């Protein structure tokens, strides 16, 4: 499922998508989400997307770039 577009969704729909996309799977060894978030809340990282300011993909790419630089 792809992220709802900013133009055709509400902030509540975008928030629900972020929550579902980043929910804990309770399987840290095979999931990797915690490693990517590095102790940060997904809703905080995606606040600009939820508020309709930036696309989900733009923020995701930024998070990935920060993660790879940290390694």
C-alpha atoms as a PDB file:
ATOM      1  CA  UNK A   1       0.000   0.000   0.000  1.00  0.00           C
ATOM      2  CA  UNK A   2       1.406   3.385  -0.916  1.00  0.00           C
ATOM      3  CA  UNK A   3       1.177   6.514   1.175  1.00  0.00           C
ATOM      4  CA  UNK A   4      -1.920   8.657   0.662  1.00  0.00           C
ATOM      5  CA  UNK A   5      -1.162  11.701  -1.451  1.00  0.00           C
ATOM      6  CA  UNK A   6      -1.220  15.031   0.322  1.00  0.00           C
ATOM      7  CA  UNK A   7      -3.726  16.421  -2.189  1.00  0.00           C
ATOM      8  CA  UNK A   8      -6.282  13.638  -1.716  1.00  0.00           C
ATOM      9  CA  UNK A   9      -6.147  12.844   2.005  1.00  0.00           C
ATOM     10  CA  UNK A  10      -6.737  14.350   5.401  1.00  0.00           C
ATOM     11  CA  UNK A  11      -4.116  14.731   8.095  1.00  0.00           C
ATOM     12  CA  UNK A  12      -5.905  11.997  10.068  1.00  0.00           C
ATOM     13  CA  UNK A  13      -5.589   9.603   7.124  1.00  0.00           C
ATOM     14  CA  UNK A  14      -1.908  10.431   6.738  1.00  0.00           C
ATOM     15  CA  UNK A  15      -1.313  10.004  10.496  1.00  0.00           C
ATOM     16  CA  UNK A  16      -3.059   6.606  10.395  1.00  0.00           C
ATOM     17  CA  UNK A  17      -0.862   5.558   7.474  1.00  0.00           C
ATOM     18  CA  UNK A  18       2.341   6.531   9.317  1.00  0.00           C
ATOM     19  CA  UNK A  19       1.211   4.696  12.447  1.00  0.00           C
ATOM     20  CA  UNK A  20       0.441   1.541  10.493  1.00  0.00           C
ATOM     21  CA  UNK A  21       3.558   1.685   8.322  1.00  0.00           C
ATOM     22  CA  UNK A  22       5.843   2.069  11.348  1.00  0.00           C
ATOM     23  CA  UNK A  23       4.017  -0.052  13.919  1.00  0.00           C
ATOM     24  CA  UNK A  24       6.157  -2.404  15.951  1.00  0.00           C
ATOM     25  CA  UNK A  25       6.208  -5.970  14.653  1.00  0.00           C
ATOM     26  CA  UNK A  26       7.829  -7.318  17.840  1.00  0.00           C
ATOM     27  CA  UNK A  27      10.492  -9.057  15.797  1.00  0.00           C
ATOM     28  CA  UNK A  28      13.470  -6.707  15.975  1.00  0.00           C
ATOM     29  CA  UNK A  29      15.972  -9.065  14.412  1.00  0.00           C
ATOM     30  CA  UNK A  30      14.107  -9.293  11.118  1.00  0.00           C
ATOM     31  CA  UNK A  31      12.180  -6.003  11.066  1.00  0.00           C
ATOM     32  CA  UNK A  32      14.740  -3.202  11.355  1.00  0.00           C
ATOM     33  CA  UNK A  33      12.254  -0.389  11.925  1.00  0.00           C
ATOM     34  CA  UNK A  34      13.679   0.451  15.338  1.00  0.00           C
ATOM     35  CA  UNK A  35      17.154   0.738  13.847  1.00  0.00           C
ATOM     36  CA  UNK A  36      15.886   3.182  11.235  1.00  0.00           C
ATOM     37  CA  UNK A  37      13.895   5.279  13.729  1.00  0.00           C
ATOM     38  CA  UNK A  38      16.784   5.239  16.251  1.00  0.00           C
ATOM     39  CA  UNK A  39      14.533   5.927  19.241  1.00  0.00           C
ATOM     40  CA  UNK A  40      12.491   8.623  17.503  1.00  0.00           C
ATOM     41  CA  UNK A  41       8.733   8.557  17.035  1.00  0.00           C
ATOM     42  CA  UNK A  42       7.553   8.016  13.461  1.00  0.00           C
ATOM     43  CA  UNK A  43       4.796  10.612  13.843  1.00  0.00           C
ATOM     44  CA  UNK A  44       7.386  13.186  14.838  1.00  0.00           C
ATOM     45  CA  UNK A  45       9.660  12.350  11.905  1.00  0.00           C
ATOM     46  CA  UNK A  46       6.731  12.464   9.488  1.00  0.00           C
ATOM     47  CA  UNK A  47       5.082  15.569  10.986  1.00  0.00           C
ATOM     48  CA  UNK A  48       5.571  17.575   7.778  1.00  0.00           C
ATOM     49  CA  UNK A  49       3.866  14.816   5.783  1.00  0.00           C
ATOM     50  CA  UNK A  50       1.005  14.580   8.263  1.00  0.00           C
ATOM     51  CA  UNK A  51       0.627  18.382   8.106  1.00  0.00           C
ATOM     52  CA  UNK A  52       0.626  18.284   4.286  1.00  0.00           C
ATOM     53  CA  UNK A  53       3.926  20.160   3.842  1.00  0.00           C
ATOM     54  CA  UNK A  54       6.179  17.448   2.342  1.00  0.00           C
ATOM     55  CA  UNK A  55       5.657  14.124   0.638  1.00  0.00           C
ATOM     56  CA  UNK A  56       6.061  10.838   2.454  1.00  0.00           C
ATOM     57  CA  UNK A  57       8.778   9.784   0.003  1.00  0.00           C
ATOM     58  CA  UNK A  58      10.821  12.972   0.513  1.00  0.00           C
ATOM     59  CA  UNK A  59      10.897  12.385   4.262  1.00  0.00           C
ATOM     60  CA  UNK A  60      11.612   8.665   3.869  1.00  0.00           C
ATOM     61  CA  UNK A  61      14.606   9.399   1.637  1.00  0.00           C
ATOM     62  CA  UNK A  62      15.886  11.950   4.148  1.00  0.00           C
ATOM     63  CA  UNK A  63      15.584   9.408   6.986  1.00  0.00           C
ATOM     64  CA  UNK A  64      17.407   6.777   4.917  1.00  0.00           C
ATOM     65  CA  UNK A  65      20.221   9.200   4.107  1.00  0.00           C
ATOM     66  CA  UNK A  66      20.607  10.069   7.814  1.00  0.00           C
ATOM     67  CA  UNK A  67      20.615   6.357   8.715  1.00  0.00           C
ATOM     68  CA  UNK A  68      23.320   5.459   6.200  1.00  0.00           C
ATOM     69  CA  UNK A  69      25.494   8.404   7.268  1.00  0.00           C
ATOM     70  CA  UNK A  70      25.270   7.200  10.874  1.00  0.00           C
ATOM     71  CA  UNK A  71      26.591   3.760   9.870  1.00  0.00           C
END
